[in-house]
Amino acid sequence: MELYHTDIASSDPALLERATRTAEEFAGRYRVPGVAGICFLGSVARGYFDRHADIDVALFTGTGFDTASVPLFQRADGFEVHCHVSRLVDETAATWDTARRWTYSECRIFHDPDGRIAELLREKVPLRPDERRWLLISGITLSEWYINRLTVLWVERGSIASAHGMFARGLDHFHDMLFSLNDRLVADHKWRCFAAERLPLLPTDFRARMEDVTLVYALTVDDLARRREAFMAMWREMLPLVERDVGMGYEEFKDTV
């Protein structure tokens, strides 16, 4: 599982080392017969730690383990520890949403004596081919619809604020396309912009151009046009890559969304 959060500016290597040691010592207490597996999530798994971070530990238990015996929030060596406790049988049966899958795509397995946690993650986490294809098609189509078309509609309806507001949803769809084009699960909203900038396949000068798109100088029609054209330049650059990937032209697939 690929990690790409190791360049957090506020990360303190010494603090990360201490937090990792604390996490391992804390989790070691739960290496007991009733616990099927243990994973580290969040900062310890991703390789950064700062004063805002906590330790996230996921415990997968057997059917006879009392999950209520593990407090949700604990403290260890001055760190807050957040314990996510669930029964392995329930997790196996459950449908995992994208946010959960993305979180576990970057986890670190600490304890898995029977290999059942690795098996669970292989089943639940990966981006499926049909899912990826749909996110490519819907992402490129809906991002254009929100930013290039609905902005015009809201100007005509007399709400410039609503027109500018369309960018937020449109950029969500554009990110869906970008992550999928890179064979990655779409990052959780808290991490999405940061993670997107670190994808290998992106529009040219993506960070600077995205800043230009998201920056609002004024709630005016002129500034809306500036933002829209800045976005559409990136959109036009990525469209041929999506068309080639899905084996269809935009005019063929846009009405399927």
Protein backbone atom coordinates (compact mmCIF):
# COMPACT_ATOMS: atom_id res chain seq x y z
CA MET A 1 0.00 0.00 0.00
CA GLU A 2 1.52 3.17 -1.21
CA LEU A 3 2.16 6.04 1.18
CA TYR A 4 2.50 9.61 -0.04
CA HIS A 5 2.05 11.73 3.07
CA THR A 6 5.65 11.80 4.23
CA ASP A 7 6.26 15.46 3.24
CA ILE A 8 3.98 17.08 5.83
CA ALA A 9 5.73 20.36 6.71
CA SER A 10 4.80 20.21 10.40
CA SER A 11 5.89 16.60 10.89
CA ASP A 12 8.46 16.02 13.63
CA PRO A 13 10.61 12.89 13.03
CA ALA A 14 11.42 12.52 16.71
CA LEU A 15 7.74 12.80 17.61
CA LEU A 16 6.88 10.25 14.92
CA GLU A 17 9.44 7.82 16.31
CA ARG A 18 8.06 8.20 19.84
CA ALA A 19 4.44 7.96 18.68
CA THR A 20 5.22 4.83 16.65
CA ARG A 21 6.91 3.20 19.63
CA THR A 22 3.97 4.14 21.84
CA ALA A 23 1.48 2.78 19.30
CA GLU A 24 3.32 -0.54 19.13
CA GLU A 25 3.53 -0.84 22.90
CA PHE A 26 -0.15 0.07 23.27
CA ALA A 27 -1.32 -2.32 20.55
CA GLY A 28 0.88 -5.07 21.97
CA ARG A 29 -1.46 -5.31 24.95
CA TYR A 30 -4.22 -6.49 22.63
CA ARG A 31 -2.26 -9.33 21.08
CA VAL A 32 -4.57 -11.76 22.80
CA PRO A 33 -6.51 -14.80 21.54
CA GLY A 34 -9.78 -12.85 21.15
CA VAL A 35 -8.24 -10.30 18.77
CA ALA A 36 -7.90 -11.48 15.18
CA GLY A 37 -5.80 -8.56 14.01
CA ILE A 38 -4.55 -5.04 14.65
CA CYS A 39 -3.85 -2.21 12.20
CA PHE A 40 -2.41 1.27 12.58
CA LEU A 41 -4.28 3.98 10.71
CA GLY A 42 -3.70 7.68 10.16
CA SER A 43 -0.48 9.48 10.93
CA VAL A 44 1.56 6.56 12.31
CA ALA A 45 0.74 4.46 9.25
CA ARG A 46 1.33 7.31 6.80
CA GLY A 47 4.69 8.28 8.22
CA TYR A 48 4.17 11.70 9.78
CA PHE A 49 3.36 13.07 13.22
CA ASP A 50 2.82 16.60 14.49
CA ARG A 51 1.20 18.25 17.50
CA HIS A 52 -2.24 17.90 15.93
CA ALA A 53 -1.97 14.15 15.32
CA ASP A 54 -3.21 11.26 17.40
CA ILE A 55 -2.66 7.52 17.31
CA ASP A 56 -5.33 5.48 15.51
CA VAL A 57 -5.50 1.76 16.23
CA ALA A 58 -8.01 -0.63 14.63
CA LEU A 59 -8.80 -3.86 16.46
CA PHE A 60 -10.58 -6.68 14.63
CA THR A 61 -12.00 -9.08 17.17
CA GLY A 62 -13.43 -12.56 17.27
CA THR A 63 -17.08 -13.24 18.08
CA GLY A 64 -16.41 -13.94 21.77
CA PHE A 65 -14.52 -10.72 22.50
CA ASP A 66 -16.29 -7.97 24.45
CA THR A 67 -15.78 -4.96 22.18
CA ALA A 68 -17.18 -2.64 24.86
CA SER A 69 -14.19 -3.50 27.06
CA VAL A 70 -11.94 -1.30 24.87
CA PRO A 71 -12.57 2.44 25.44
CA LEU A 72 -12.89 4.46 22.26
CA PHE A 73 -10.47 7.16 23.48
CA GLN A 74 -7.46 6.43 25.65
CA ARG A 75 -4.15 8.07 26.49
CA ALA A 76 -0.67 6.56 26.35
CA ASP A 77 2.65 8.32 26.97
CA GLY A 78 0.97 11.72 26.52
CA PHE A 79 -0.69 10.80 23.21
CA GLU A 80 -4.39 10.45 22.55
CA VAL A 81 -5.17 6.99 21.23
CA HIS A 82 -8.31 6.45 19.20
CA CYS A 83 -9.39 2.79 19.18
CA HIS A 84 -11.59 1.54 16.35
CA VAL A 85 -12.99 -1.80 17.51
CA SER A 86 -15.13 -4.09 15.36
CA ARG A 87 -15.83 -7.77 14.91
CA LEU A 88 -14.02 -9.34 11.98
CA VAL A 89 -17.14 -11.25 10.95
CA ASP A 90 -19.11 -7.99 10.76
CA GLU A 91 -16.44 -6.25 8.71
CA THR A 92 -16.30 -9.19 6.32
CA ALA A 93 -20.05 -8.96 5.74
CA ALA A 94 -20.21 -5.16 5.55
CA THR A 95 -19.97 -2.93 2.50
CA TRP A 96 -17.11 -0.48 2.93
CA ASP A 97 -17.59 3.05 1.61
CA THR A 98 -14.86 4.87 -0.29
CA ALA A 99 -13.65 6.86 2.71
CA ARG A 100 -13.14 3.69 4.76
CA ARG A 101 -11.44 1.90 1.89
CA TRP A 102 -9.10 4.82 1.33
CA THR A 103 -8.21 4.94 5.04
CA TYR A 104 -7.32 1.25 5.06
CA SER A 105 -5.44 1.51 1.77
CA GLU A 106 -2.79 3.36 3.79
CA CYS A 107 -2.92 1.30 6.97
CA ARG A 108 -0.10 -0.69 8.50
CA ILE A 109 -0.92 -4.21 9.67
CA PHE A 110 0.65 -4.74 13.08
CA HIS A 111 -0.82 -8.10 14.13
CA ASP A 112 -2.32 -10.68 11.79
CA PRO A 113 -1.37 -14.17 12.97
CA ASP A 114 -3.71 -16.03 10.61
CA GLY A 115 -3.53 -13.65 7.64
CA ARG A 116 -7.23 -12.84 7.90
CA ILE A 117 -6.74 -9.08 8.05
CA ALA A 118 -4.59 -9.05 4.92
CA GLU A 119 -7.26 -11.16 3.22
CA LEU A 120 -10.01 -8.75 4.35
CA LEU A 121 -8.13 -5.76 2.97
CA ARG A 122 -7.48 -7.49 -0.35
CA GLU A 123 -11.21 -8.07 -0.65
CA LYS A 124 -12.50 -4.69 0.53
CA VAL A 125 -9.97 -2.03 -0.42
CA PRO A 126 -8.89 -2.16 -4.10
CA LEU A 127 -10.43 0.05 -6.78
CA ARG A 128 -12.51 -2.25 -8.98
CA PRO A 129 -12.20 -1.97 -12.79
CA ASP A 130 -15.91 -1.21 -13.29
CA GLU A 131 -15.84 1.34 -10.46
CA ARG A 132 -12.74 3.00 -11.90
CA ARG A 133 -14.27 3.24 -15.38
CA TRP A 134 -17.45 4.84 -14.02
CA LEU A 135 -15.49 7.39 -11.98
CA LEU A 136 -13.49 8.33 -15.06
CA ILE A 137 -16.62 8.83 -17.18
CA SER A 138 -18.74 10.50 -14.51
CA GLY A 139 -15.84 12.57 -13.20
CA ILE A 140 -14.90 14.15 -16.51
CA THR A 141 -18.56 14.62 -17.53
CA LEU A 142 -19.99 16.03 -14.31
CA SER A 143 -17.05 18.32 -13.61
CA GLU A 144 -17.70 20.02 -16.97
CA TRP A 145 -21.43 20.15 -16.31
CA TYR A 146 -21.10 21.84 -12.93
CA ILE A 147 -18.33 24.28 -13.81
CA ASN A 148 -18.92 25.06 -17.48
CA ARG A 149 -22.72 24.82 -17.73
CA LEU A 150 -24.38 25.25 -14.36
CA THR A 151 -22.33 28.37 -13.70
CA VAL A 152 -23.90 29.96 -16.78
CA LEU A 153 -27.35 28.79 -15.70
CA TRP A 154 -27.03 30.42 -12.28
CA VAL A 155 -25.84 33.70 -13.79
CA GLU A 156 -28.96 33.71 -15.95
CA ARG A 157 -31.06 32.93 -12.87
CA GLY A 158 -29.56 35.92 -11.10
CA SER A 159 -27.46 34.21 -8.38
CA ILE A 160 -23.76 34.88 -8.86
CA ALA A 161 -23.03 33.27 -5.47
CA SER A 162 -24.69 30.03 -6.63
CA ALA A 163 -22.71 30.20 -9.87
CA HIS A 164 -19.41 30.40 -7.99
CA GLY A 165 -20.66 27.69 -5.63
CA MET A 166 -20.85 25.18 -8.49
CA PHE A 167 -17.05 24.93 -8.49
CA ALA A 168 -16.95 22.99 -5.23
CA ARG A 169 -19.04 20.11 -6.53
CA GLY A 170 -17.44 20.24 -9.96
CA LEU A 171 -13.96 19.95 -8.48
CA ASP A 172 -15.07 16.95 -6.43
CA HIS A 173 -15.97 15.19 -9.68
CA PHE A 174 -12.70 16.30 -11.29
CA HIS A 175 -10.82 14.77 -8.37
CA ASP A 176 -12.80 11.54 -8.83
CA MET A 177 -11.45 11.40 -12.37
CA LEU A 178 -7.86 12.26 -11.40
CA PHE A 179 -7.57 9.66 -8.66
CA SER A 180 -9.16 6.99 -10.83
CA LEU A 181 -6.91 7.82 -13.78
CA ASN A 182 -4.00 7.18 -11.43
CA ASP A 183 -5.52 3.87 -10.26
CA ARG A 184 -6.08 5.27 -6.78
CA LEU A 185 -9.06 5.38 -4.50
CA VAL A 186 -10.40 8.90 -4.11
CA ALA A 187 -8.91 10.38 -0.95
CA ASP A 188 -11.08 11.46 1.95
CA HIS A 189 -12.14 15.12 1.76
CA LYS A 190 -9.77 16.12 4.57
CA TRP A 191 -6.83 14.89 2.50
CA ARG A 192 -8.12 15.25 -1.05
CA CYS A 193 -6.35 18.41 -2.25
CA PHE A 194 -3.06 17.47 -0.60
CA ALA A 195 -3.15 13.92 -1.95
CA ALA A 196 -4.20 14.99 -5.44
CA GLU A 197 -1.15 17.22 -5.80
CA ARG A 198 1.02 14.14 -5.29
CA LEU A 199 -0.54 11.96 -7.96
CA PRO A 200 1.90 11.08 -10.75
CA LEU A 201 -0.44 11.79 -13.68
CA LEU A 202 -1.86 15.30 -13.52
CA PRO A 203 -2.50 18.36 -15.70
CA THR A 204 0.62 20.43 -16.31
CA ASP A 205 1.43 22.80 -13.40
CA PHE A 206 -1.54 21.35 -11.55
CA ARG A 207 -0.94 22.98 -8.19
CA ALA A 208 -0.62 26.52 -9.54
CA ARG A 209 -3.53 26.10 -11.93
CA MET A 210 -5.77 24.63 -9.24
CA GLU A 211 -4.96 27.58 -6.99
CA ASP A 212 -6.05 29.86 -9.83
CA VAL A 213 -9.32 27.96 -10.16
CA THR A 214 -10.15 27.97 -6.45
CA LEU A 215 -9.16 31.58 -5.78
CA VAL A 216 -12.14 33.96 -5.77
CA TYR A 217 -11.25 37.63 -6.16
CA ALA A 218 -14.84 38.82 -6.29
CA LEU A 219 -18.34 37.43 -6.73
CA THR A 220 -18.59 38.81 -10.25
CA VAL A 221 -19.35 37.46 -13.71
CA ASP A 222 -15.85 38.41 -14.90
CA ASP A 223 -14.15 36.48 -12.10
CA LEU A 224 -16.45 33.55 -12.74
CA ALA A 225 -15.35 33.53 -16.38
CA ARG A 226 -11.69 33.63 -15.32
CA ARG A 227 -12.11 30.68 -12.97
CA ARG A 228 -14.13 28.72 -15.50
CA GLU A 229 -11.58 29.12 -18.29
CA ALA A 230 -8.72 28.20 -15.94
CA PHE A 231 -10.56 24.99 -15.08
CA MET A 232 -11.59 24.17 -18.64
CA ALA A 233 -7.98 24.42 -19.81
CA MET A 234 -7.09 21.62 -17.38
CA TRP A 235 -10.24 19.71 -18.34
CA ARG A 236 -9.37 19.82 -22.04
CA GLU A 237 -5.87 18.56 -21.25
CA MET A 238 -7.19 15.52 -19.39
CA LEU A 239 -10.09 14.62 -21.68
CA PRO A 240 -8.01 12.72 -24.30
CA LEU A 241 -6.45 10.61 -21.52
CA VAL A 242 -9.89 9.62 -20.24
CA GLU A 243 -11.18 8.90 -23.75
CA ARG A 244 -8.20 6.68 -24.49
CA ASP A 245 -8.52 4.88 -21.16
CA VAL A 246 -12.23 4.05 -21.50
CA GLY A 247 -12.05 3.43 -25.26
CA MET A 248 -14.85 5.89 -26.06
CA GLY A 249 -15.15 9.49 -27.17
CA TYR A 250 -16.70 12.13 -24.92
CA GLU A 251 -19.71 12.52 -27.23
CA GLU A 252 -20.32 8.78 -26.92
CA PHE A 253 -20.30 8.55 -23.14
CA LYS A 254 -21.40 11.95 -21.78
CA ASP A 255 -25.12 11.18 -22.06
CA THR A 256 -24.71 7.96 -20.06
CA VAL A 257 -24.06 9.90 -16.86
